[in-house]
Amino acid sequence: IKKYQDHDLEKKNTTAARTVEFIRT
């Protein structure tokens, strides 16, 4: 359960980071 939560959070953070980088540009 902990690894699944970490995997889900990492996926969201990766997508959000790329979105924020694009908006910043």
mmCIF file of all heavy atoms, coordinates in Angstrom:
data_MODEL
# 
_entry.id   MODEL 
# 
loop_
_atom_site.group_PDB 
_atom_site.id 
_atom_site.type_symbol 
_atom_site.label_atom_id 
_atom_site.label_alt_id 
_atom_site.label_comp_id 
_atom_site.label_asym_id 
_atom_site.label_entity_id 
_atom_site.label_seq_id 
_atom_site.pdbx_PDB_ins_code 
_atom_site.Cartn_x 
_atom_site.Cartn_y 
_atom_site.Cartn_z 
_atom_site.occupancy 
_atom_site.B_iso_or_equiv 
_atom_site.pdbx_formal_charge 
_atom_site.auth_seq_id 
_atom_site.auth_comp_id 
_atom_site.auth_asym_id 
_atom_site.auth_atom_id 
_atom_site.pdbx_PDB_model_num 
ATOM 1   N N   . ILE A 1 1  ? 0.838  -1.207 0.000   1.00 0.00 ? 1  ILE A N   1 
ATOM 2   C CA  . ILE A 1 1  ? 0.000  0.000  0.000   1.00 0.00 ? 1  ILE A CA  1 
ATOM 3   C C   . ILE A 1 1  ? 0.872  1.256  0.000   1.00 0.00 ? 1  ILE A C   1 
ATOM 4   O O   . ILE A 1 1  ? 0.605  2.211  -0.746  1.00 0.00 ? 1  ILE A O   1 
ATOM 5   C CB  . ILE A 1 1  ? -0.937 -0.016 1.217   1.00 0.00 ? 1  ILE A CB  1 
ATOM 6   C CG1 . ILE A 1 1  ? -1.952 -1.162 1.096   1.00 0.00 ? 1  ILE A CG1 1 
ATOM 7   C CG2 . ILE A 1 1  ? -1.666 1.313  1.364   1.00 0.00 ? 1  ILE A CG2 1 
ATOM 8   C CD1 . ILE A 1 1  ? -2.844 -1.327 2.300   1.00 0.00 ? 1  ILE A CD1 1 
ATOM 9   N N   . LYS A 1 2  ? 1.920  1.274  0.791   1.00 0.00 ? 2  LYS A N   1 
ATOM 10  C CA  . LYS A 1 2  ? 2.809  2.432  0.828   1.00 0.00 ? 2  LYS A CA  1 
ATOM 11  C C   . LYS A 1 2  ? 3.510  2.630  -0.507  1.00 0.00 ? 2  LYS A C   1 
ATOM 12  O O   . LYS A 1 2  ? 3.619  3.765  -1.009  1.00 0.00 ? 2  LYS A O   1 
ATOM 13  C CB  . LYS A 1 2  ? 3.847  2.267  1.939   1.00 0.00 ? 2  LYS A CB  1 
ATOM 14  C CG  . LYS A 1 2  ? 4.772  3.469  2.108   1.00 0.00 ? 2  LYS A CG  1 
ATOM 15  C CD  . LYS A 1 2  ? 5.759  3.253  3.238   1.00 0.00 ? 2  LYS A CD  1 
ATOM 16  C CE  . LYS A 1 2  ? 6.621  4.505  3.435   1.00 0.00 ? 2  LYS A CE  1 
ATOM 17  N NZ  . LYS A 1 2  ? 7.336  4.907  2.206   1.00 0.00 ? 2  LYS A NZ  1 
ATOM 18  N N   . LYS A 1 3  ? 3.995  1.558  -1.109  1.00 0.00 ? 3  LYS A N   1 
ATOM 19  C CA  . LYS A 1 3  ? 4.671  1.673  -2.398  1.00 0.00 ? 3  LYS A CA  1 
ATOM 20  C C   . LYS A 1 3  ? 3.703  2.129  -3.485  1.00 0.00 ? 3  LYS A C   1 
ATOM 21  O O   . LYS A 1 3  ? 4.074  2.915  -4.367  1.00 0.00 ? 3  LYS A O   1 
ATOM 22  C CB  . LYS A 1 3  ? 5.293  0.326  -2.762  1.00 0.00 ? 3  LYS A CB  1 
ATOM 23  C CG  . LYS A 1 3  ? 6.077  0.325  -4.069  1.00 0.00 ? 3  LYS A CG  1 
ATOM 24  C CD  . LYS A 1 3  ? 7.298  1.223  -4.005  1.00 0.00 ? 3  LYS A CD  1 
ATOM 25  C CE  . LYS A 1 3  ? 8.333  0.691  -3.047  1.00 0.00 ? 3  LYS A CE  1 
ATOM 26  N NZ  . LYS A 1 3  ? 9.598  1.441  -3.105  1.00 0.00 ? 3  LYS A NZ  1 
ATOM 27  N N   . TYR A 1 4  ? 2.465  1.667  -3.429  1.00 0.00 ? 4  TYR A N   1 
ATOM 28  C CA  . TYR A 1 4  ? 1.460  2.098  -4.399  1.00 0.00 ? 4  TYR A CA  1 
ATOM 29  C C   . TYR A 1 4  ? 1.164  3.586  -4.242  1.00 0.00 ? 4  TYR A C   1 
ATOM 30  O O   . TYR A 1 4  ? 1.034  4.316  -5.242  1.00 0.00 ? 4  TYR A O   1 
ATOM 31  C CB  . TYR A 1 4  ? 0.186  1.276  -4.205  1.00 0.00 ? 4  TYR A CB  1 
ATOM 32  C CG  . TYR A 1 4  ? -0.999 1.784  -4.980  1.00 0.00 ? 4  TYR A CG  1 
ATOM 33  C CD1 . TYR A 1 4  ? -1.094 1.627  -6.365  1.00 0.00 ? 4  TYR A CD1 1 
ATOM 34  C CD2 . TYR A 1 4  ? -2.043 2.443  -4.323  1.00 0.00 ? 4  TYR A CD2 1 
ATOM 35  C CE1 . TYR A 1 4  ? -2.180 2.101  -7.069  1.00 0.00 ? 4  TYR A CE1 1 
ATOM 36  C CE2 . TYR A 1 4  ? -3.143 2.908  -5.025  1.00 0.00 ? 4  TYR A CE2 1 
ATOM 37  C CZ  . TYR A 1 4  ? -3.209 2.739  -6.391  1.00 0.00 ? 4  TYR A CZ  1 
ATOM 38  O OH  . TYR A 1 4  ? -4.280 3.218  -7.090  1.00 0.00 ? 4  TYR A OH  1 
ATOM 39  N N   . GLN A 1 5  ? 1.058  4.060  -3.013  1.00 0.00 ? 5  GLN A N   1 
ATOM 40  C CA  . GLN A 1 5  ? 0.831  5.485  -2.781  1.00 0.00 ? 5  GLN A CA  1 
ATOM 41  C C   . GLN A 1 5  ? 2.015  6.312  -3.276  1.00 0.00 ? 5  GLN A C   1 
ATOM 42  O O   . GLN A 1 5  ? 1.821  7.371  -3.892  1.00 0.00 ? 5  GLN A O   1 
ATOM 43  C CB  . GLN A 1 5  ? 0.584  5.731  -1.288  1.00 0.00 ? 5  GLN A CB  1 
ATOM 44  C CG  . GLN A 1 5  ? -0.720 5.139  -0.774  1.00 0.00 ? 5  GLN A CG  1 
ATOM 45  C CD  . GLN A 1 5  ? -0.862 5.252  0.729   1.00 0.00 ? 5  GLN A CD  1 
ATOM 46  O OE1 . GLN A 1 5  ? 0.122  5.402  1.450   1.00 0.00 ? 5  GLN A OE1 1 
ATOM 47  N NE2 . GLN A 1 5  ? -2.079 5.161  1.231   1.00 0.00 ? 5  GLN A NE2 1 
ATOM 48  N N   . ASP A 1 6  ? 3.230  5.836  -3.008  1.00 0.00 ? 6  ASP A N   1 
ATOM 49  C CA  . ASP A 1 6  ? 4.416  6.557  -3.473  1.00 0.00 ? 6  ASP A CA  1 
ATOM 50  C C   . ASP A 1 6  ? 4.467  6.594  -5.000  1.00 0.00 ? 6  ASP A C   1 
ATOM 51  O O   . ASP A 1 6  ? 4.836  7.615  -5.593  1.00 0.00 ? 6  ASP A O   1 
ATOM 52  C CB  . ASP A 1 6  ? 5.685  5.907  -2.926  1.00 0.00 ? 6  ASP A CB  1 
ATOM 53  C CG  . ASP A 1 6  ? 5.789  6.029  -1.414  1.00 0.00 ? 6  ASP A CG  1 
ATOM 54  O OD1 . ASP A 1 6  ? 5.087  6.890  -0.845  1.00 0.00 ? 6  ASP A OD1 1 
ATOM 55  O OD2 . ASP A 1 6  ? 6.550  5.261  -0.797  1.00 0.00 ? 6  ASP A OD2 1 
ATOM 56  N N   . HIS A 1 7  ? 4.113  5.485  -5.635  1.00 0.00 ? 7  HIS A N   1 
ATOM 57  C CA  . HIS A 1 7  ? 4.103  5.433  -7.099  1.00 0.00 ? 7  HIS A CA  1 
ATOM 58  C C   . HIS A 1 7  ? 3.090  6.417  -7.672  1.00 0.00 ? 7  HIS A C   1 
ATOM 59  O O   . HIS A 1 7  ? 3.368  7.137  -8.637  1.00 0.00 ? 7  HIS A O   1 
ATOM 60  C CB  . HIS A 1 7  ? 3.785  4.004  -7.552  1.00 0.00 ? 7  HIS A CB  1 
ATOM 61  C CG  . HIS A 1 7  ? 3.443  3.897  -9.007  1.00 0.00 ? 7  HIS A CG  1 
ATOM 62  N ND1 . HIS A 1 7  ? 4.392  3.940  -10.001 1.00 0.00 ? 7  HIS A ND1 1 
ATOM 63  C CD2 . HIS A 1 7  ? 2.241  3.755  -9.635  1.00 0.00 ? 7  HIS A CD2 1 
ATOM 64  C CE1 . HIS A 1 7  ? 3.802  3.831  -11.184 1.00 0.00 ? 7  HIS A CE1 1 
ATOM 65  N NE2 . HIS A 1 7  ? 2.503  3.723  -10.985 1.00 0.00 ? 7  HIS A NE2 1 
ATOM 66  N N   . ASP A 1 8  ? 1.901  6.456  -7.078  1.00 0.00 ? 8  ASP A N   1 
ATOM 67  C CA  . ASP A 1 8  ? 0.861  7.359  -7.561  1.00 0.00 ? 8  ASP A CA  1 
ATOM 68  C C   . ASP A 1 8  ? 1.267  8.818  -7.356  1.00 0.00 ? 8  ASP A C   1 
ATOM 69  O O   . ASP A 1 8  ? 1.073  9.663  -8.233  1.00 0.00 ? 8  ASP A O   1 
ATOM 70  C CB  . ASP A 1 8  ? -0.442 7.057  -6.825  1.00 0.00 ? 8  ASP A CB  1 
ATOM 71  C CG  . ASP A 1 8  ? -1.624 7.811  -7.409  1.00 0.00 ? 8  ASP A CG  1 
ATOM 72  O OD1 . ASP A 1 8  ? -1.905 7.633  -8.599  1.00 0.00 ? 8  ASP A OD1 1 
ATOM 73  O OD2 . ASP A 1 8  ? -2.260 8.583  -6.669  1.00 0.00 ? 8  ASP A OD2 1 
ATOM 74  N N   . LEU A 1 9  ? 1.865  9.118  -6.192  1.00 0.00 ? 9  LEU A N   1 
ATOM 75  C CA  . LEU A 1 9  ? 2.291  10.483 -5.915  1.00 0.00 ? 9  LEU A CA  1 
ATOM 76  C C   . LEU A 1 9  ? 3.425  10.907 -6.842  1.00 0.00 ? 9  LEU A C   1 
ATOM 77  O O   . LEU A 1 9  ? 3.456  12.052 -7.324  1.00 0.00 ? 9  LEU A O   1 
ATOM 78  C CB  . LEU A 1 9  ? 2.728  10.603 -4.456  1.00 0.00 ? 9  LEU A CB  1 
ATOM 79  C CG  . LEU A 1 9  ? 3.166  11.993 -3.976  1.00 0.00 ? 9  LEU A CG  1 
ATOM 80  C CD1 . LEU A 1 9  ? 2.031  12.989 -4.122  1.00 0.00 ? 9  LEU A CD1 1 
ATOM 81  C CD2 . LEU A 1 9  ? 3.649  11.929 -2.538  1.00 0.00 ? 9  LEU A CD2 1 
ATOM 82  N N   . GLU A 1 10 ? 4.353  9.991  -7.099  1.00 0.00 ? 10 GLU A N   1 
ATOM 83  C CA  . GLU A 1 10 ? 5.469  10.314 -7.996  1.00 0.00 ? 10 GLU A CA  1 
ATOM 84  C C   . GLU A 1 10 ? 4.977  10.606 -9.413  1.00 0.00 ? 10 GLU A C   1 
ATOM 85  O O   . GLU A 1 10 ? 5.472  11.524 -10.073 1.00 0.00 ? 10 GLU A O   1 
ATOM 86  C CB  . GLU A 1 10 ? 6.451  9.152  -8.010  1.00 0.00 ? 10 GLU A CB  1 
ATOM 87  C CG  . GLU A 1 10 ? 7.661  9.387  -8.908  1.00 0.00 ? 10 GLU A CG  1 
ATOM 88  C CD  . GLU A 1 10 ? 8.596  8.199  -8.927  1.00 0.00 ? 10 GLU A CD  1 
ATOM 89  O OE1 . GLU A 1 10 ? 8.299  7.195  -8.239  1.00 0.00 ? 10 GLU A OE1 1 
ATOM 90  O OE2 . GLU A 1 10 ? 9.619  8.257  -9.632  1.00 0.00 ? 10 GLU A OE2 1 
ATOM 91  N N   . LYS A 1 11 ? 3.997  9.840  -9.860  1.00 0.00 ? 11 LYS A N   1 
ATOM 92  C CA  . LYS A 1 11 ? 3.449  10.070 -11.199 1.00 0.00 ? 11 LYS A CA  1 
ATOM 93  C C   . LYS A 1 11 ? 2.784  11.440 -11.284 1.00 0.00 ? 11 LYS A C   1 
ATOM 94  O O   . LYS A 1 11 ? 2.971  12.176 -12.267 1.00 0.00 ? 11 LYS A O   1 
ATOM 95  C CB  . LYS A 1 11 ? 2.440  8.965  -11.520 1.00 0.00 ? 11 LYS A CB  1 
ATOM 96  C CG  . LYS A 1 11 ? 1.828  9.084  -12.904 1.00 0.00 ? 11 LYS A CG  1 
ATOM 97  C CD  . LYS A 1 11 ? 0.863  7.944  -13.144 1.00 0.00 ? 11 LYS A CD  1 
ATOM 98  C CE  . LYS A 1 11 ? 0.199  8.084  -14.513 1.00 0.00 ? 11 LYS A CE  1 
ATOM 99  N NZ  . LYS A 1 11 ? -0.767 6.998  -14.763 1.00 0.00 ? 11 LYS A NZ  1 
ATOM 100 N N   . LYS A 1 12 ? 2.013  11.806 -10.262 1.00 0.00 ? 12 LYS A N   1 
ATOM 101 C CA  . LYS A 1 12 ? 1.361  13.117 -10.258 1.00 0.00 ? 12 LYS A CA  1 
ATOM 102 C C   . LYS A 1 12 ? 2.393  14.240 -10.197 1.00 0.00 ? 12 LYS A C   1 
ATOM 103 O O   . LYS A 1 12 ? 2.263  15.255 -10.895 1.00 0.00 ? 12 LYS A O   1 
ATOM 104 C CB  . LYS A 1 12 ? 0.410  13.219 -9.068  1.00 0.00 ? 12 LYS A CB  1 
ATOM 105 C CG  . LYS A 1 12 ? -0.812 12.329 -9.172  1.00 0.00 ? 12 LYS A CG  1 
ATOM 106 C CD  . LYS A 1 12 ? -1.698 12.476 -7.950  1.00 0.00 ? 12 LYS A CD  1 
ATOM 107 C CE  . LYS A 1 12 ? -2.919 11.596 -8.036  1.00 0.00 ? 12 LYS A CE  1 
ATOM 108 N NZ  . LYS A 1 12 ? -3.788 11.708 -6.841  1.00 0.00 ? 12 LYS A NZ  1 
ATOM 109 N N   . ASN A 1 13 ? 3.409  14.065 -9.364  1.00 0.00 ? 13 ASN A N   1 
ATOM 110 C CA  . ASN A 1 13 ? 4.430  15.107 -9.239  1.00 0.00 ? 13 ASN A CA  1 
ATOM 111 C C   . ASN A 1 13 ? 5.196  15.301 -10.540 1.00 0.00 ? 13 ASN A C   1 
ATOM 112 O O   . ASN A 1 13 ? 5.542  16.427 -10.908 1.00 0.00 ? 13 ASN A O   1 
ATOM 113 C CB  . ASN A 1 13 ? 5.402  14.749 -8.114  1.00 0.00 ? 13 ASN A CB  1 
ATOM 114 C CG  . ASN A 1 13 ? 4.763  14.859 -6.742  1.00 0.00 ? 13 ASN A CG  1 
ATOM 115 O OD1 . ASN A 1 13 ? 3.752  15.540 -6.570  1.00 0.00 ? 13 ASN A OD1 1 
ATOM 116 N ND2 . ASN A 1 13 ? 5.339  14.193 -5.756  1.00 0.00 ? 13 ASN A ND2 1 
ATOM 117 N N   . THR A 1 14 ? 5.466  14.197 -11.246 1.00 0.00 ? 14 THR A N   1 
ATOM 118 C CA  . THR A 1 14 ? 6.188  14.310 -12.515 1.00 0.00 ? 14 THR A CA  1 
ATOM 119 C C   . THR A 1 14 ? 5.381  15.088 -13.543 1.00 0.00 ? 14 THR A C   1 
ATOM 120 O O   . THR A 1 14 ? 5.890  15.989 -14.221 1.00 0.00 ? 14 THR A O   1 
ATOM 121 C CB  . THR A 1 14 ? 6.513  12.910 -13.047 1.00 0.00 ? 14 THR A CB  1 
ATOM 122 O OG1 . THR A 1 14 ? 7.309  12.214 -12.090 1.00 0.00 ? 14 THR A OG1 1 
ATOM 123 C CG2 . THR A 1 14 ? 7.287  13.009 -14.357 1.00 0.00 ? 14 THR A CG2 1 
ATOM 124 N N   . THR A 1 15 ? 4.087  14.735 -13.657 1.00 0.00 ? 15 THR A N   1 
ATOM 125 C CA  . THR A 1 15 ? 3.227  15.428 -14.609 1.00 0.00 ? 15 THR A CA  1 
ATOM 126 C C   . THR A 1 15 ? 3.048  16.892 -14.229 1.00 0.00 ? 15 THR A C   1 
ATOM 127 O O   . THR A 1 15 ? 3.107  17.790 -15.084 1.00 0.00 ? 15 THR A O   1 
ATOM 128 C CB  . THR A 1 15 ? 1.855  14.742 -14.678 1.00 0.00 ? 15 THR A CB  1 
ATOM 129 O OG1 . THR A 1 15 ? 2.038  13.358 -14.979 1.00 0.00 ? 15 THR A OG1 1 
ATOM 130 C CG2 . THR A 1 15 ? 0.983  15.379 -15.741 1.00 0.00 ? 15 THR A CG2 1 
ATOM 131 N N   . ALA A 1 16 ? 2.859  17.180 -12.940 1.00 0.00 ? 16 ALA A N   1 
ATOM 132 C CA  . ALA A 1 16 ? 2.680  18.562 -12.496 1.00 0.00 ? 16 ALA A CA  1 
ATOM 133 C C   . ALA A 1 16 ? 3.952  19.375 -12.709 1.00 0.00 ? 16 ALA A C   1 
ATOM 134 O O   . ALA A 1 16 ? 3.894  20.544 -13.112 1.00 0.00 ? 16 ALA A O   1 
ATOM 135 C CB  . ALA A 1 16 ? 2.283  18.585 -11.022 1.00 0.00 ? 16 ALA A CB  1 
ATOM 136 N N   . ALA A 1 17 ? 5.118  18.768 -12.470 1.00 0.00 ? 17 ALA A N   1 
ATOM 137 C CA  . ALA A 1 17 ? 6.379  19.484 -12.663 1.00 0.00 ? 17 ALA A CA  1 
ATOM 138 C C   . ALA A 1 17 ? 6.581  19.860 -14.128 1.00 0.00 ? 17 ALA A C   1 
ATOM 139 O O   . ALA A 1 17 ? 7.035  20.972 -14.435 1.00 0.00 ? 17 ALA A O   1 
ATOM 140 C CB  . ALA A 1 17 ? 7.548  18.634 -12.164 1.00 0.00 ? 17 ALA A CB  1 
ATOM 141 N N   . ARG A 1 18 ? 6.240  18.954 -15.038 1.00 0.00 ? 18 ARG A N   1 
ATOM 142 C CA  . ARG A 1 18 ? 6.384  19.265 -16.465 1.00 0.00 ? 18 ARG A CA  1 
ATOM 143 C C   . ARG A 1 18 ? 5.404  20.357 -16.885 1.00 0.00 ? 18 ARG A C   1 
ATOM 144 O O   . ARG A 1 18 ? 5.731  21.225 -17.694 1.00 0.00 ? 18 ARG A O   1 
ATOM 145 C CB  . ARG A 1 18 ? 6.149  18.004 -17.288 1.00 0.00 ? 18 ARG A CB  1 
ATOM 146 C CG  . ARG A 1 18 ? 7.233  16.950 -17.085 1.00 0.00 ? 18 ARG A CG  1 
ATOM 147 C CD  . ARG A 1 18 ? 7.031  15.761 -17.992 1.00 0.00 ? 18 ARG A CD  1 
ATOM 148 N NE  . ARG A 1 18 ? 8.105  14.789 -17.826 1.00 0.00 ? 18 ARG A NE  1 
ATOM 149 C CZ  . ARG A 1 18 ? 8.212  13.670 -18.520 1.00 0.00 ? 18 ARG A CZ  1 
ATOM 150 N NH1 . ARG A 1 18 ? 7.295  13.384 -19.432 1.00 0.00 ? 18 ARG A NH1 1 
ATOM 151 N NH2 . ARG A 1 18 ? 9.217  12.839 -18.311 1.00 0.00 ? 18 ARG A NH2 1 
ATOM 152 N N   . THR A 1 19 ? 4.194  20.309 -16.317 1.00 0.00 ? 19 THR A N   1 
ATOM 153 C CA  . THR A 1 19 ? 3.209  21.339 -16.641 1.00 0.00 ? 19 THR A CA  1 
ATOM 154 C C   . THR A 1 19 ? 3.664  22.704 -16.138 1.00 0.00 ? 19 THR A C   1 
ATOM 155 O O   . THR A 1 19 ? 3.580  23.715 -16.857 1.00 0.00 ? 19 THR A O   1 
ATOM 156 C CB  . THR A 1 19 ? 1.857  20.979 -16.025 1.00 0.00 ? 19 THR A CB  1 
ATOM 157 O OG1 . THR A 1 19 ? 1.458  19.684 -16.465 1.00 0.00 ? 19 THR A OG1 1 
ATOM 158 C CG2 . THR A 1 19 ? 0.803  21.988 -16.417 1.00 0.00 ? 19 THR A CG2 1 
ATOM 159 N N   . VAL A 1 20 ? 4.148  22.752 -14.914 1.00 0.00 ? 20 VAL A N   1 
ATOM 160 C CA  . VAL A 1 20 ? 4.616  24.016 -14.345 1.00 0.00 ? 20 VAL A CA  1 
ATOM 161 C C   . VAL A 1 20 ? 5.800  24.557 -15.136 1.00 0.00 ? 20 VAL A C   1 
ATOM 162 O O   . VAL A 1 20 ? 5.908  25.778 -15.373 1.00 0.00 ? 20 VAL A O   1 
ATOM 163 C CB  . VAL A 1 20 ? 4.994  23.824 -12.862 1.00 0.00 ? 20 VAL A CB  1 
ATOM 164 C CG1 . VAL A 1 20 ? 5.690  25.057 -12.318 1.00 0.00 ? 20 VAL A CG1 1 
ATOM 165 C CG2 . VAL A 1 20 ? 3.739  23.515 -12.037 1.00 0.00 ? 20 VAL A CG2 1 
ATOM 166 N N   . GLU A 1 21 ? 6.694  23.689 -15.584 1.00 0.00 ? 21 GLU A N   1 
ATOM 167 C CA  . GLU A 1 21 ? 7.852  24.130 -16.361 1.00 0.00 ? 21 GLU A CA  1 
ATOM 168 C C   . GLU A 1 21 ? 7.409  24.734 -17.692 1.00 0.00 ? 21 GLU A C   1 
ATOM 169 O O   . GLU A 1 21 ? 7.951  25.752 -18.139 1.00 0.00 ? 21 GLU A O   1 
ATOM 170 C CB  . GLU A 1 21 ? 8.787  22.946 -16.595 1.00 0.00 ? 21 GLU A CB  1 
ATOM 171 C CG  . GLU A 1 21 ? 10.064 23.300 -17.358 1.00 0.00 ? 21 GLU A CG  1 
ATOM 172 C CD  . GLU A 1 21 ? 10.928 24.289 -16.610 1.00 0.00 ? 21 GLU A CD  1 
ATOM 173 O OE1 . GLU A 1 21 ? 10.841 24.342 -15.364 1.00 0.00 ? 21 GLU A OE1 1 
ATOM 174 O OE2 . GLU A 1 21 ? 11.693 25.020 -17.278 1.00 0.00 ? 21 GLU A OE2 1 
ATOM 175 N N   . PHE A 1 22 ? 6.401  24.117 -18.314 1.00 0.00 ? 22 PHE A N   1 
ATOM 176 C CA  . PHE A 1 22 ? 5.898  24.655 -19.570 1.00 0.00 ? 22 PHE A CA  1 
ATOM 177 C C   . PHE A 1 22 ? 5.244  26.016 -19.351 1.00 0.00 ? 22 PHE A C   1 
ATOM 178 O O   . PHE A 1 22 ? 5.462  26.960 -20.127 1.00 0.00 ? 22 PHE A O   1 
ATOM 179 C CB  . PHE A 1 22 ? 4.894  23.672 -20.183 1.00 0.00 ? 22 PHE A CB  1 
ATOM 180 C CG  . PHE A 1 22 ? 4.357  24.104 -21.515 1.00 0.00 ? 22 PHE A CG  1 
ATOM 181 C CD1 . PHE A 1 22 ? 5.072  23.871 -22.674 1.00 0.00 ? 22 PHE A CD1 1 
ATOM 182 C CD2 . PHE A 1 22 ? 3.135  24.749 -21.606 1.00 0.00 ? 22 PHE A CD2 1 
ATOM 183 C CE1 . PHE A 1 22 ? 4.577  24.273 -23.906 1.00 0.00 ? 22 PHE A CE1 1 
ATOM 184 C CE2 . PHE A 1 22 ? 2.634  25.158 -22.824 1.00 0.00 ? 22 PHE A CE2 1 
ATOM 185 C CZ  . PHE A 1 22 ? 3.356  24.917 -23.983 1.00 0.00 ? 22 PHE A CZ  1 
ATOM 186 N N   . ILE A 1 23 ? 4.431  26.152 -18.303 1.00 0.00 ? 23 ILE A N   1 
ATOM 187 C CA  . ILE A 1 23 ? 3.788  27.430 -18.007 1.00 0.00 ? 23 ILE A CA  1 
ATOM 188 C C   . ILE A 1 23 ? 4.828  28.495 -17.681 1.00 0.00 ? 23 ILE A C   1 
ATOM 189 O O   . ILE A 1 23 ? 4.712  29.660 -18.093 1.00 0.00 ? 23 ILE A O   1 
ATOM 190 C CB  . ILE A 1 23 ? 2.786  27.255 -16.842 1.00 0.00 ? 23 ILE A CB  1 
ATOM 191 C CG1 . ILE A 1 23 ? 1.642  26.331 -17.262 1.00 0.00 ? 23 ILE A CG1 1 
ATOM 192 C CG2 . ILE A 1 23 ? 2.249  28.595 -16.373 1.00 0.00 ? 23 ILE A CG2 1 
ATOM 193 C CD1 . ILE A 1 23 ? 0.665  26.030 -16.148 1.00 0.00 ? 23 ILE A CD1 1 
ATOM 194 N N   . ARG A 1 24 ? 5.876  28.103 -16.943 1.00 0.00 ? 24 ARG A N   1 
ATOM 195 C CA  . ARG A 1 24 ? 6.927  29.057 -16.605 1.00 0.00 ? 24 ARG A CA  1 
ATOM 196 C C   . ARG A 1 24 ? 7.617  29.575 -17.861 1.00 0.00 ? 24 ARG A C   1 
ATOM 197 O O   . ARG A 1 24 ? 7.936  30.766 -17.960 1.00 0.00 ? 24 ARG A O   1 
ATOM 198 C CB  . ARG A 1 24 ? 7.929  28.367 -15.678 1.00 0.00 ? 24 ARG A CB  1 
ATOM 199 C CG  . ARG A 1 24 ? 8.997  29.298 -15.127 1.00 0.00 ? 24 ARG A CG  1 
ATOM 200 C CD  . ARG A 1 24 ? 9.858  28.536 -14.141 1.00 0.00 ? 24 ARG A CD  1 
ATOM 201 N NE  . ARG A 1 24 ? 9.045  28.063 -13.021 1.00 0.00 ? 24 ARG A NE  1 
ATOM 202 C CZ  . ARG A 1 24 ? 9.461  27.155 -12.147 1.00 0.00 ? 24 ARG A CZ  1 
ATOM 203 N NH1 . ARG A 1 24 ? 10.657 26.614 -12.266 1.00 0.00 ? 24 ARG A NH1 1 
ATOM 204 N NH2 . ARG A 1 24 ? 8.665  26.793 -11.154 1.00 0.00 ? 24 ARG A NH2 1 
ATOM 205 N N   . THR A 1 25 ? 7.822  28.709 -18.836 1.00 0.00 ? 25 THR A N   1 
ATOM 206 C CA  . THR A 1 25 ? 8.440  29.142 -20.094 1.00 0.00 ? 25 THR A CA  1 
ATOM 207 C C   . THR A 1 25 ? 7.536  30.126 -20.833 1.00 0.00 ? 25 THR A C   1 
ATOM 208 O O   . THR A 1 25 ? 8.010  31.142 -21.377 1.00 0.00 ? 25 THR A O   1 
ATOM 209 C CB  . THR A 1 25 ? 8.721  27.919 -20.975 1.00 0.00 ? 25 THR A CB  1 
ATOM 210 O OG1 . THR A 1 25 ? 9.568  27.003 -20.266 1.00 0.00 ? 25 THR A OG1 1 
ATOM 211 C CG2 . THR A 1 25 ? 9.415  28.326 -22.268 1.00 0.00 ? 25 THR A CG2 1 
# 
